[in-house]
Amino acid sequence: MIQKTDLIITTPSPFNFAATISSHGWVDLPPNYCDAETNSMRRIEQLSPGNVVILQIYDVNSDDPSLIGVQVESENLLLESEKQEILHKLWDMLRLDEDLSEFYAICQKRGAPWDEMTRGYGRILRSPTFFEDVVKTICTTNVQWGGTRGMIKRLVENYGEPYPGNPALRTFPSPEVIAALPFDEFHANVRMGYRSAYIHLLSQRVVLGEVDLEAMKRSPLPTNELKKELLSIKGVGNYAAANLLMLAGRYDELTVDTVFRQFMRERYFQNQIPTDKEALTIYEDWGKWKYLAYWFEIWQYYNNQ
C-alpha cells in the first residue's frame, strides 16, 4: 500500500521557489519533472536503504515564500532517518546553504534592474549528487537540447531503479549500476555517441575510488585549481568545467557556449561577433559573482523577448 508523508522545509530569506526550479534545464531532465501549472516539480529518488520514493516539491503558500512542501510517496512508512535524508538532499538541490547576501548587496547598490535579484533569485537547481550533475553536463556538450533530453531519458529508462508499482518512474542510475554493465550493452542502449565511453569510464573510476566527485563539489581549493581537477575527467572540457563550477557554487567562471556567444552578440555587440575575450570582459567587474550576473541578464533578456 502506498504511503504519503508530508514534510516542510523552511528556507532562508529571500527565496524564490519558482525561479529556482526553472533556473535552467535540469528541471526538465529525468528523473526530474516540472509541472508549470501547479508551480511544482517531481523527482524519483532512491534513498540510502534502497527504497525508491516520489518527491513532489511545491510552494506551500505564495504569501509565505519561506515554506516549501514535500509530499513523499513510498511503498512503506518512512523511517525518521529517511525523512532527514530527503530534507538534506532537497536542501542541497535548492542551494539553500549558499549565502548570497554579498551578491544581493551588490545588486541593490547597482539599482534597477539588478535589484530584482534581491527578491530571492540566483539559486540554480542542481542534482543531489555531483555524479548526476557531471553526467548531465557531459550530455550537454556538442548537442542540441533535444539530444540531451533524449540521452538522459534513455539512461534513466534503461538503468534507473523503478518505483514500486510503476516501472515507468525510475531514478537516476548510480555509478555502481553503470560500471557493472558491459560497455557495448551500455553504449547501444543509451545512444550517447562518444559520451557513453566517458560516462562508463567515469562510473568505473568512481566505484574504484579513483575519483571522489562529492569531495570535488565541496573542495576548498581555489577555483582555478578545482577547474584543473574537473578538466582531468575525460569528457569535461572548458565549457563543461565552467558549468560544473557553477553547480559547485563557484560563480567566477562563465560557460562560453553557443548560447553565451549569441546572447552577447545580440545584447552587447549590435549583432557583430565579438571574440570570447571581448565578451568575457562584460562581466569582469562582477568578480566572484560573474555567472549569477550573466544568468540574470540572459534570463531577463529572453523572458522579455
C-alpha atoms as a PDB file:
ATOM      1  CA  MET A   1       0.000   0.000   0.000  1.00  0.00           C
ATOM      2  CA  ILE A   2       1.369   3.405  -0.990  1.00  0.00           C
ATOM      3  CA  GLN A   3       2.147   5.705   1.919  1.00  0.00           C
ATOM      4  CA  LYS A   4       2.162   9.518   1.745  1.00  0.00           C
ATOM      5  CA  THR A   5       4.281  11.639   4.048  1.00  0.00           C
ATOM      6  CA  ASP A   6       4.258  15.434   4.137  1.00  0.00           C
ATOM      7  CA  LEU A   7       7.405  17.362   5.027  1.00  0.00           C
ATOM      8  CA  ILE A   8       8.068  21.092   5.326  1.00  0.00           C
ATOM      9  CA  ILE A   9      11.287  22.996   4.599  1.00  0.00           C
ATOM     10  CA  THR A  10      11.833  26.496   5.961  1.00  0.00           C
ATOM     11  CA  THR A  11      14.152  28.323   3.564  1.00  0.00           C
ATOM     12  CA  PRO A  12      16.498  31.224   4.188  1.00  0.00           C
ATOM     13  CA  SER A  13      15.135  34.623   3.178  1.00  0.00           C
ATOM     14  CA  PRO A  14      14.885  35.775   0.455  1.00  0.00           C
ATOM     15  CA  PHE A  15      13.974  32.709  -1.588  1.00  0.00           C
ATOM     16  CA  ASN A  16      12.017  32.294  -4.821  1.00  0.00           C
ATOM     17  CA  PHE A  17      10.930  28.695  -5.405  1.00  0.00           C
ATOM     18  CA  ALA A  18       9.595  29.180  -8.960  1.00  0.00           C
ATOM     19  CA  ALA A  19      12.783  30.934 -10.091  1.00  0.00           C
ATOM     20  CA  THR A  20      14.948  28.248  -8.506  1.00  0.00           C
ATOM     21  CA  ILE A  21      13.332  25.204 -10.100  1.00  0.00           C
ATOM     22  CA  SER A  22      13.106  26.884 -13.511  1.00  0.00           C
ATOM     23  CA  SER A  23      16.594  28.411 -13.285  1.00  0.00           C
ATOM     24  CA  HIS A  24      17.964  26.177 -16.041  1.00  0.00           C
ATOM     25  CA  GLY A  25      17.209  22.988 -17.932  1.00  0.00           C
ATOM     26  CA  TRP A  26      17.867  20.465 -15.157  1.00  0.00           C
ATOM     27  CA  VAL A  27      14.208  20.557 -14.112  1.00  0.00           C
ATOM     28  CA  ASP A  28      13.291  19.032 -17.488  1.00  0.00           C
ATOM     29  CA  LEU A  29      15.780  16.154 -17.320  1.00  0.00           C
ATOM     30  CA  PRO A  30      14.643  12.850 -15.746  1.00  0.00           C
ATOM     31  CA  PRO A  31      14.234  11.880 -13.023  1.00  0.00           C
ATOM     32  CA  ASN A  32      13.044  15.487 -12.558  1.00  0.00           C
ATOM     33  CA  TYR A  33       9.677  16.511 -13.958  1.00  0.00           C
ATOM     34  CA  CYS A  34       8.227  20.026 -13.929  1.00  0.00           C
ATOM     35  CA  ASP A  35       4.547  20.913 -13.593  1.00  0.00           C
ATOM     36  CA  ALA A  36       4.280  24.557 -14.639  1.00  0.00           C
ATOM     37  CA  GLU A  37       0.537  24.725 -13.917  1.00  0.00           C
ATOM     38  CA  THR A  38       0.972  23.896 -10.238  1.00  0.00           C
ATOM     39  CA  ASN A  39       4.404  25.530  -9.901  1.00  0.00           C
ATOM     40  CA  SER A  40       5.879  22.287  -8.618  1.00  0.00           C
ATOM     41  CA  MET A  41       8.433  19.664  -9.531  1.00  0.00           C
ATOM     42  CA  ARG A  42       8.554  15.915  -9.060  1.00  0.00           C
ATOM     43  CA  ARG A  43      11.605  13.735  -8.637  1.00  0.00           C
ATOM     44  CA  ILE A  44      12.067   9.969  -8.390  1.00  0.00           C
ATOM     45  CA  GLU A  45      14.780   9.298  -5.804  1.00  0.00           C
ATOM     46  CA  GLN A  46      16.442   6.287  -4.231  1.00  0.00           C
ATOM     47  CA  LEU A  47      17.231   6.604  -0.532  1.00  0.00           C
ATOM     48  CA  SER A  48      20.214   5.086   1.265  1.00  0.00           C
ATOM     49  CA  PRO A  49      18.393   1.923   2.445  1.00  0.00           C
ATOM     50  CA  GLY A  50      17.425   1.288  -1.186  1.00  0.00           C
ATOM     51  CA  ASN A  51      13.814   2.490  -1.080  1.00  0.00           C
ATOM     52  CA  VAL A  52      12.609   4.363  -4.176  1.00  0.00           C
ATOM     53  CA  VAL A  53      10.277   7.279  -3.495  1.00  0.00           C
ATOM     54  CA  ILE A  54       8.455  10.024  -5.386  1.00  0.00           C
ATOM     55  CA  LEU A  55       9.108  13.569  -4.173  1.00  0.00           C
ATOM     56  CA  GLN A  56       6.507  16.193  -5.063  1.00  0.00           C
ATOM     57  CA  ILE A  57       8.008  19.593  -4.210  1.00  0.00           C
ATOM     58  CA  TYR A  58       5.868  22.738  -4.150  1.00  0.00           C
ATOM     59  CA  ASP A  59       5.228  26.184  -2.674  1.00  0.00           C
ATOM     60  CA  VAL A  60       3.203  25.779   0.500  1.00  0.00           C
ATOM     61  CA  ASN A  61       1.801  29.299   0.449  1.00  0.00           C
ATOM     62  CA  SER A  62       2.569  32.039  -2.056  1.00  0.00           C
ATOM     63  CA  ASP A  63       2.129  34.565   0.774  1.00  0.00           C
ATOM     64  CA  ASP A  64       4.984  32.928   2.677  1.00  0.00           C
ATOM     65  CA  PRO A  65       7.766  32.033   0.197  1.00  0.00           C
ATOM     66  CA  SER A  66       9.977  30.735   3.010  1.00  0.00           C
ATOM     67  CA  LEU A  67       7.975  27.492   3.222  1.00  0.00           C
ATOM     68  CA  ILE A  68       8.375  24.594   0.774  1.00  0.00           C
ATOM     69  CA  GLY A  69       6.247  21.482   0.972  1.00  0.00           C
ATOM     70  CA  VAL A  70       7.378  17.991   0.036  1.00  0.00           C
ATOM     71  CA  GLN A  71       4.892  15.157  -0.352  1.00  0.00           C
ATOM     72  CA  VAL A  72       6.696  11.821  -0.359  1.00  0.00           C
ATOM     73  CA  GLU A  73       5.081   8.734  -1.876  1.00  0.00           C
ATOM     74  CA  SER A  74       6.656   5.478  -0.734  1.00  0.00           C
ATOM     75  CA  GLU A  75       5.841   1.795  -0.538  1.00  0.00           C
ATOM     76  CA  ASN A  76       6.453   1.725   3.218  1.00  0.00           C
ATOM     77  CA  LEU A  77       6.279   4.214   6.044  1.00  0.00           C
ATOM     78  CA  LEU A  78       9.381   6.363   6.102  1.00  0.00           C
ATOM     79  CA  LEU A  79      11.936   5.999   8.839  1.00  0.00           C
ATOM     80  CA  GLU A  80      12.980   9.206  10.584  1.00  0.00           C
ATOM     81  CA  SER A  81      16.448   8.811   9.037  1.00  0.00           C
ATOM     82  CA  GLU A  82      14.863   8.652   5.570  1.00  0.00           C
ATOM     83  CA  LYS A  83      12.912  11.855   6.217  1.00  0.00           C
ATOM     84  CA  GLN A  84      16.126  13.591   7.230  1.00  0.00           C
ATOM     85  CA  GLU A  85      17.910  12.257   4.143  1.00  0.00           C
ATOM     86  CA  ILE A  86      15.180  13.661   1.892  1.00  0.00           C
ATOM     87  CA  LEU A  87      15.352  17.067   3.572  1.00  0.00           C
ATOM     88  CA  HIS A  88      19.141  17.088   3.289  1.00  0.00           C
ATOM     89  CA  LYS A  89      19.024  16.214  -0.415  1.00  0.00           C
ATOM     90  CA  LEU A  90      16.452  18.895  -1.187  1.00  0.00           C
ATOM     91  CA  TRP A  91      18.338  21.492   0.825  1.00  0.00           C
ATOM     92  CA  ASP A  92      21.355  20.746  -1.371  1.00  0.00           C
ATOM     93  CA  MET A  93      19.415  20.654  -4.661  1.00  0.00           C
ATOM     94  CA  LEU A  94      17.831  24.044  -3.986  1.00  0.00           C
ATOM     95  CA  ARG A  95      21.161  25.536  -2.818  1.00  0.00           C
ATOM     96  CA  LEU A  96      19.675  26.670   0.485  1.00  0.00           C
ATOM     97  CA  ASP A  97      23.060  26.549   2.212  1.00  0.00           C
ATOM     98  CA  GLU A  98      24.542  29.235  -0.075  1.00  0.00           C
ATOM     99  CA  ASP A  99      24.945  32.736   1.310  1.00  0.00           C
ATOM    100  CA  LEU A 100      24.104  35.178  -1.473  1.00  0.00           C
ATOM    101  CA  SER A 101      23.923  38.257   0.768  1.00  0.00           C
ATOM    102  CA  GLU A 102      27.089  39.793  -0.709  1.00  0.00           C
ATOM    103  CA  PHE A 103      25.759  39.335  -4.242  1.00  0.00           C
ATOM    104  CA  TYR A 104      22.393  40.833  -3.272  1.00  0.00           C
ATOM    105  CA  ALA A 105      24.135  43.833  -1.698  1.00  0.00           C
ATOM    106  CA  ILE A 106      25.960  44.490  -4.980  1.00  0.00           C
ATOM    107  CA  CYS A 107      22.710  44.172  -6.940  1.00  0.00           C
ATOM    108  CA  GLN A 108      20.935  46.528  -4.542  1.00  0.00           C
ATOM    109  CA  LYS A 109      23.705  49.094  -4.898  1.00  0.00           C
ATOM    110  CA  ARG A 110      23.540  48.921  -8.713  1.00  0.00           C
ATOM    111  CA  GLY A 111      19.802  49.570  -8.694  1.00  0.00           C
ATOM    112  CA  ALA A 112      17.329  48.611 -11.409  1.00  0.00           C
ATOM    113  CA  PRO A 113      17.115  46.096 -12.942  1.00  0.00           C
ATOM    114  CA  TRP A 114      19.679  44.327 -10.772  1.00  0.00           C
ATOM    115  CA  ASP A 115      17.781  44.975  -7.549  1.00  0.00           C
ATOM    116  CA  GLU A 116      15.174  42.483  -8.784  1.00  0.00           C
ATOM    117  CA  MET A 117      17.665  39.746  -7.894  1.00  0.00           C
ATOM    118  CA  THR A 118      17.254  40.560  -4.209  1.00  0.00           C
ATOM    119  CA  ARG A 119      13.742  39.073  -4.323  1.00  0.00           C
ATOM    120  CA  GLY A 120      15.275  35.624  -3.990  1.00  0.00           C
ATOM    121  CA  TYR A 121      16.685  34.975  -7.453  1.00  0.00           C
ATOM    122  CA  GLY A 122      20.068  33.367  -8.058  1.00  0.00           C
ATOM    123  CA  ARG A 123      19.762  29.865  -6.611  1.00  0.00           C
ATOM    124  CA  ILE A 124      20.225  27.486  -9.540  1.00  0.00           C
ATOM    125  CA  LEU A 125      18.814  23.976  -9.313  1.00  0.00           C
ATOM    126  CA  ARG A 126      21.324  21.127  -9.150  1.00  0.00           C
ATOM    127  CA  SER A 127      21.211  17.371  -8.582  1.00  0.00           C
ATOM    128  CA  PRO A 128      21.514  15.566  -5.235  1.00  0.00           C
ATOM    129  CA  THR A 129      24.857  14.099  -6.362  1.00  0.00           C
ATOM    130  CA  PHE A 130      27.709  15.635  -8.301  1.00  0.00           C
ATOM    131  CA  PHE A 131      27.890  12.400 -10.308  1.00  0.00           C
ATOM    132  CA  GLU A 132      24.474  13.151 -11.786  1.00  0.00           C
ATOM    133  CA  ASP A 133      25.491  16.740 -12.496  1.00  0.00           C
ATOM    134  CA  VAL A 134      28.689  15.634 -14.258  1.00  0.00           C
ATOM    135  CA  VAL A 135      26.859  13.076 -16.402  1.00  0.00           C
ATOM    136  CA  LYS A 136      24.161  15.554 -17.378  1.00  0.00           C
ATOM    137  CA  THR A 137      26.746  18.218 -18.159  1.00  0.00           C
ATOM    138  CA  ILE A 138      28.703  15.865 -20.421  1.00  0.00           C
ATOM    139  CA  CYS A 139      25.428  15.163 -22.215  1.00  0.00           C
ATOM    140  CA  THR A 140      25.006  18.880 -22.998  1.00  0.00           C
ATOM    141  CA  THR A 141      28.264  19.068 -24.965  1.00  0.00           C
ATOM    142  CA  ASN A 142      28.135  19.472 -28.756  1.00  0.00           C
ATOM    143  CA  VAL A 143      24.412  18.737 -28.977  1.00  0.00           C
ATOM    144  CA  GLN A 144      21.041  20.484 -29.126  1.00  0.00           C
ATOM    145  CA  TRP A 145      18.854  20.391 -26.019  1.00  0.00           C
ATOM    146  CA  GLY A 146      16.538  17.779 -27.526  1.00  0.00           C
ATOM    147  CA  GLY A 147      19.508  15.473 -27.918  1.00  0.00           C
ATOM    148  CA  THR A 148      20.477  15.972 -24.273  1.00  0.00           C
ATOM    149  CA  ARG A 149      16.949  15.154 -23.131  1.00  0.00           C
ATOM    150  CA  GLY A 150      16.894  12.012 -25.251  1.00  0.00           C
ATOM    151  CA  MET A 151      20.199  10.747 -23.857  1.00  0.00           C
ATOM    152  CA  ILE A 152      19.205  11.298 -20.224  1.00  0.00           C
ATOM    153  CA  LYS A 153      15.762   9.807 -20.826  1.00  0.00           C
ATOM    154  CA  ARG A 154      17.273   6.608 -22.256  1.00  0.00           C
ATOM    155  CA  LEU A 155      19.812   6.413 -19.432  1.00  0.00           C
ATOM    156  CA  VAL A 156      17.102   6.644 -16.770  1.00  0.00           C
ATOM    157  CA  GLU A 157      14.638   4.364 -18.561  1.00  0.00           C
ATOM    158  CA  ASN A 158      17.212   1.619 -19.098  1.00  0.00           C
ATOM    159  CA  TYR A 159      19.164   1.679 -15.843  1.00  0.00           C
ATOM    160  CA  GLY A 160      17.313   3.648 -13.162  1.00  0.00           C
ATOM    161  CA  GLU A 161      15.724   1.814 -10.230  1.00  0.00           C
ATOM    162  CA  PRO A 162      11.923   1.593 -10.721  1.00  0.00           C
ATOM    163  CA  TYR A 163       9.357   2.967  -8.326  1.00  0.00           C
ATOM    164  CA  PRO A 164       7.329   0.039  -6.901  1.00  0.00           C
ATOM    165  CA  GLY A 165       4.143  -0.491  -8.889  1.00  0.00           C
ATOM    166  CA  ASN A 166       5.128   1.871 -11.701  1.00  0.00           C
ATOM    167  CA  PRO A 167       8.285   0.817 -13.584  1.00  0.00           C
ATOM    168  CA  ALA A 168       7.919   3.844 -15.892  1.00  0.00           C
ATOM    169  CA  LEU A 169       9.103   6.008 -12.984  1.00  0.00           C
ATOM    170  CA  ARG A 170      12.812   5.472 -12.402  1.00  0.00           C
ATOM    171  CA  THR A 171      15.696   7.028 -10.526  1.00  0.00           C
ATOM    172  CA  PHE A 172      18.945   8.345 -11.934  1.00  0.00           C
ATOM    173  CA  PRO A 173      21.262   5.307 -12.155  1.00  0.00           C
ATOM    174  CA  SER A 174      24.145   5.069  -9.718  1.00  0.00           C
ATOM    175  CA  PRO A 175      27.777   4.792 -10.846  1.00  0.00           C
ATOM    176  CA  GLU A 176      27.772   1.234  -9.438  1.00  0.00           C
ATOM    177  CA  VAL A 177      24.979   0.207 -11.803  1.00  0.00           C
ATOM    178  CA  ILE A 178      26.640   1.762 -14.859  1.00  0.00           C
ATOM    179  CA  ALA A 179      30.127   0.461 -14.013  1.00  0.00           C
ATOM    180  CA  ALA A 180      28.844  -3.114 -13.762  1.00  0.00           C
ATOM    181  CA  LEU A 181      27.444  -3.043 -17.310  1.00  0.00           C
ATOM    182  CA  PRO A 182      29.338  -4.364 -20.330  1.00  0.00           C
ATOM    183  CA  PHE A 183      30.321  -1.255 -22.263  1.00  0.00           C
ATOM    184  CA  ASP A 184      28.880  -2.456 -25.584  1.00  0.00           C
ATOM    185  CA  GLU A 185      25.471  -3.003 -23.994  1.00  0.00           C
ATOM    186  CA  PHE A 186      25.541   0.390 -22.278  1.00  0.00           C
ATOM    187  CA  HIS A 187      26.655   2.167 -25.444  1.00  0.00           C
ATOM    188  CA  ALA A 188      23.929   0.547 -27.546  1.00  0.00           C
ATOM    189  CA  ASN A 189      21.109   1.301 -25.121  1.00  0.00           C
ATOM    190  CA  VAL A 190      21.835   4.898 -24.143  1.00  0.00           C
ATOM    191  CA  ARG A 191      22.922   6.039 -27.646  1.00  0.00           C
ATOM    192  CA  MET A 192      25.114   8.876 -26.387  1.00  0.00           C
ATOM    193  CA  GLY A 193      27.733   8.657 -29.105  1.00  0.00           C
ATOM    194  CA  TYR A 194      31.280   9.347 -27.894  1.00  0.00           C
ATOM    195  CA  ARG A 195      29.905  10.435 -24.479  1.00  0.00           C
ATOM    196  CA  SER A 196      28.963   6.900 -23.443  1.00  0.00           C
ATOM    197  CA  ALA A 197      32.645   5.918 -23.163  1.00  0.00           C
ATOM    198  CA  TYR A 198      33.347   8.898 -20.920  1.00  0.00           C
ATOM    199  CA  ILE A 199      30.377   8.193 -18.650  1.00  0.00           C
ATOM    200  CA  HIS A 200      31.107   4.473 -18.415  1.00  0.00           C
ATOM    201  CA  LEU A 201      34.749   5.180 -17.557  1.00  0.00           C
ATOM    202  CA  LEU A 202      33.798   7.838 -15.001  1.00  0.00           C
ATOM    203  CA  SER A 203      31.416   5.394 -13.313  1.00  0.00           C
ATOM    204  CA  GLN A 204      34.178   2.802 -13.034  1.00  0.00           C
ATOM    205  CA  ARG A 205      36.624   5.336 -11.621  1.00  0.00           C
ATOM    206  CA  VAL A 206      34.098   6.489  -9.027  1.00  0.00           C
ATOM    207  CA  VAL A 207      33.402   2.900  -7.948  1.00  0.00           C
ATOM    208  CA  LEU A 208      37.135   2.149  -7.704  1.00  0.00           C
ATOM    209  CA  GLY A 209      37.676   5.250  -5.585  1.00  0.00           C
ATOM    210  CA  GLU A 210      39.922   6.895  -8.164  1.00  0.00           C
ATOM    211  CA  VAL A 211      37.623   9.934  -8.382  1.00  0.00           C
ATOM    212  CA  ASP A 212      35.725  11.451  -5.452  1.00  0.00           C
ATOM    213  CA  LEU A 213      33.160  13.717  -7.091  1.00  0.00           C
ATOM    214  CA  GLU A 214      31.461  14.748  -3.857  1.00  0.00           C
ATOM    215  CA  ALA A 215      34.827  15.854  -2.465  1.00  0.00           C
ATOM    216  CA  MET A 216      35.319  17.946  -5.618  1.00  0.00           C
ATOM    217  CA  LYS A 217      31.931  19.562  -5.103  1.00  0.00           C
ATOM    218  CA  ARG A 218      32.857  20.582  -1.537  1.00  0.00           C
ATOM    219  CA  SER A 219      36.527  21.256  -2.282  1.00  0.00           C
ATOM    220  CA  PRO A 220      38.213  24.193  -0.514  1.00  0.00           C
ATOM    221  CA  LEU A 221      40.647  24.559  -3.435  1.00  0.00           C
ATOM    222  CA  PRO A 222      40.808  27.883  -5.288  1.00  0.00           C
ATOM    223  CA  THR A 223      38.607  27.880  -8.370  1.00  0.00           C
ATOM    224  CA  ASN A 224      41.498  27.604 -10.831  1.00  0.00           C
ATOM    225  CA  GLU A 225      42.816  24.515  -9.012  1.00  0.00           C
ATOM    226  CA  LEU A 226      39.395  22.908  -8.806  1.00  0.00           C
ATOM    227  CA  LYS A 227      38.911  23.577 -12.512  1.00  0.00           C
ATOM    228  CA  LYS A 228      42.106  21.599 -13.215  1.00  0.00           C
ATOM    229  CA  GLU A 229      40.671  18.654 -11.280  1.00  0.00           C
ATOM    230  CA  LEU A 230      37.433  18.840 -13.244  1.00  0.00           C
ATOM    231  CA  LEU A 231      39.336  19.016 -16.526  1.00  0.00           C
ATOM    232  CA  SER A 232      41.089  15.765 -15.580  1.00  0.00           C
ATOM    233  CA  ILE A 233      37.727  13.976 -16.010  1.00  0.00           C
ATOM    234  CA  LYS A 234      37.558  12.600 -19.548  1.00  0.00           C
ATOM    235  CA  GLY A 235      34.706  14.301 -21.392  1.00  0.00           C
ATOM    236  CA  VAL A 236      34.968  17.532 -19.382  1.00  0.00           C
ATOM    237  CA  GLY A 237      36.392  20.473 -21.331  1.00  0.00           C
ATOM    238  CA  ASN A 238      36.393  24.193 -20.560  1.00  0.00           C
ATOM    239  CA  TYR A 239      32.653  24.663 -21.139  1.00  0.00           C
ATOM    240  CA  ALA A 240      31.691  21.640 -19.026  1.00  0.00           C
ATOM    241  CA  ALA A 241      34.153  22.604 -16.270  1.00  0.00           C
ATOM    242  CA  ALA A 242      32.667  26.104 -16.041  1.00  0.00           C
ATOM    243  CA  ASN A 243      29.148  24.654 -15.810  1.00  0.00           C
ATOM    244  CA  LEU A 244      30.244  22.245 -13.076  1.00  0.00           C
ATOM    245  CA  LEU A 245      31.971  25.034 -11.164  1.00  0.00           C
ATOM    246  CA  MET A 246      28.652  26.896 -11.177  1.00  0.00           C
ATOM    247  CA  LEU A 247      26.890  23.781  -9.879  1.00  0.00           C
ATOM    248  CA  ALA A 248      29.503  23.574  -7.127  1.00  0.00           C
ATOM    249  CA  GLY A 249      28.760  27.155  -6.083  1.00  0.00           C
ATOM    250  CA  ARG A 250      31.673  28.810  -7.895  1.00  0.00           C
ATOM    251  CA  TYR A 251      30.401  31.743  -9.952  1.00  0.00           C
ATOM    252  CA  ASP A 252      33.686  33.312 -11.072  1.00  0.00           C
ATOM    253  CA  GLU A 253      33.795  31.353 -14.367  1.00  0.00           C
ATOM    254  CA  LEU A 254      31.392  31.700 -17.307  1.00  0.00           C
ATOM    255  CA  THR A 255      30.170  28.913 -19.578  1.00  0.00           C
ATOM    256  CA  VAL A 256      31.266  30.040 -23.027  1.00  0.00           C
ATOM    257  CA  ASP A 257      28.965  28.164 -25.390  1.00  0.00           C
ATOM    258  CA  THR A 258      26.730  28.953 -28.359  1.00  0.00           C
ATOM    259  CA  VAL A 259      24.033  30.402 -26.063  1.00  0.00           C
ATOM    260  CA  PHE A 260      26.539  32.735 -24.389  1.00  0.00           C
ATOM    261  CA  ARG A 261      28.003  33.861 -27.713  1.00  0.00           C
ATOM    262  CA  GLN A 262      24.589  34.501 -29.278  1.00  0.00           C
ATOM    263  CA  PHE A 263      23.370  36.446 -26.236  1.00  0.00           C
ATOM    264  CA  MET A 264      26.485  38.611 -26.076  1.00  0.00           C
ATOM    265  CA  ARG A 265      26.261  39.347 -29.795  1.00  0.00           C
ATOM    266  CA  GLU A 266      22.602  40.396 -29.527  1.00  0.00           C
ATOM    267  CA  ARG A 267      22.768  42.179 -26.177  1.00  0.00           C
ATOM    268  CA  TYR A 268      26.097  43.998 -26.256  1.00  0.00           C
ATOM    269  CA  PHE A 269      27.703  43.928 -29.706  1.00  0.00           C
ATOM    270  CA  GLN A 270      24.903  45.022 -32.085  1.00  0.00           C
ATOM    271  CA  ASN A 271      24.907  41.591 -33.751  1.00  0.00           C
ATOM    272  CA  GLN A 272      28.619  41.848 -34.506  1.00  0.00           C
ATOM    273  CA  ILE A 273      30.626  38.773 -33.487  1.00  0.00           C
ATOM    274  CA  PRO A 274      32.988  39.527 -30.585  1.00  0.00           C
ATOM    275  CA  THR A 275      35.927  37.388 -29.575  1.00  0.00           C
ATOM    276  CA  ASP A 276      35.354  35.302 -26.463  1.00  0.00           C
ATOM    277  CA  LYS A 277      37.848  37.525 -24.637  1.00  0.00           C
ATOM    278  CA  GLU A 278      35.894  40.665 -25.584  1.00  0.00           C
ATOM    279  CA  ALA A 279      32.619  39.075 -24.487  1.00  0.00           C
ATOM    280  CA  LEU A 280      34.015  37.925 -21.147  1.00  0.00           C
ATOM    281  CA  THR A 281      35.114  41.466 -20.226  1.00  0.00           C
ATOM    282  CA  ILE A 282      31.436  42.470 -19.919  1.00  0.00           C
ATOM    283  CA  TYR A 283      31.154  40.708 -16.552  1.00  0.00           C
ATOM    284  CA  GLU A 284      34.705  41.212 -15.327  1.00  0.00           C
ATOM    285  CA  ASP A 285      33.759  43.700 -12.610  1.00  0.00           C
ATOM    286  CA  TRP A 286      31.346  41.219 -11.013  1.00  0.00           C
ATOM    287  CA  GLY A 287      34.317  39.278  -9.628  1.00  0.00           C
ATOM    288  CA  LYS A 288      33.283  36.014  -7.993  1.00  0.00           C
ATOM    289  CA  TRP A 289      29.625  36.602  -8.951  1.00  0.00           C
ATOM    290  CA  LYS A 290      30.107  36.700 -12.752  1.00  0.00           C
ATOM    291  CA  TYR A 291      27.921  33.693 -13.521  1.00  0.00           C
ATOM    292  CA  LEU A 292      24.932  34.920 -11.493  1.00  0.00           C
ATOM    293  CA  ALA A 293      25.101  38.332 -13.166  1.00  0.00           C
ATOM    294  CA  TYR A 294      25.152  36.659 -16.575  1.00  0.00           C
ATOM    295  CA  TRP A 295      22.374  34.236 -15.580  1.00  0.00           C
ATOM    296  CA  PHE A 296      20.100  37.086 -14.515  1.00  0.00           C
ATOM    297  CA  GLU A 297      20.724  39.102 -17.664  1.00  0.00           C
ATOM    298  CA  ILE A 298      20.108  36.238 -20.064  1.00  0.00           C
ATOM    299  CA  TRP A 299      17.026  35.122 -18.128  1.00  0.00           C
ATOM    300  CA  GLN A 300      15.603  38.656 -18.166  1.00  0.00           C
ATOM    301  CA  TYR A 301      16.563  39.329 -21.787  1.00  0.00           C
ATOM    302  CA  TYR A 302      14.872  36.287 -23.282  1.00  0.00           C
ATOM    303  CA  ASN A 303      11.937  36.478 -20.878  1.00  0.00           C
ATOM    304  CA  ASN A 304      11.199  39.930 -22.266  1.00  0.00           C
ATOM    305  CA  GLN A 305      11.520  38.913 -25.911  1.00  0.00           C
END
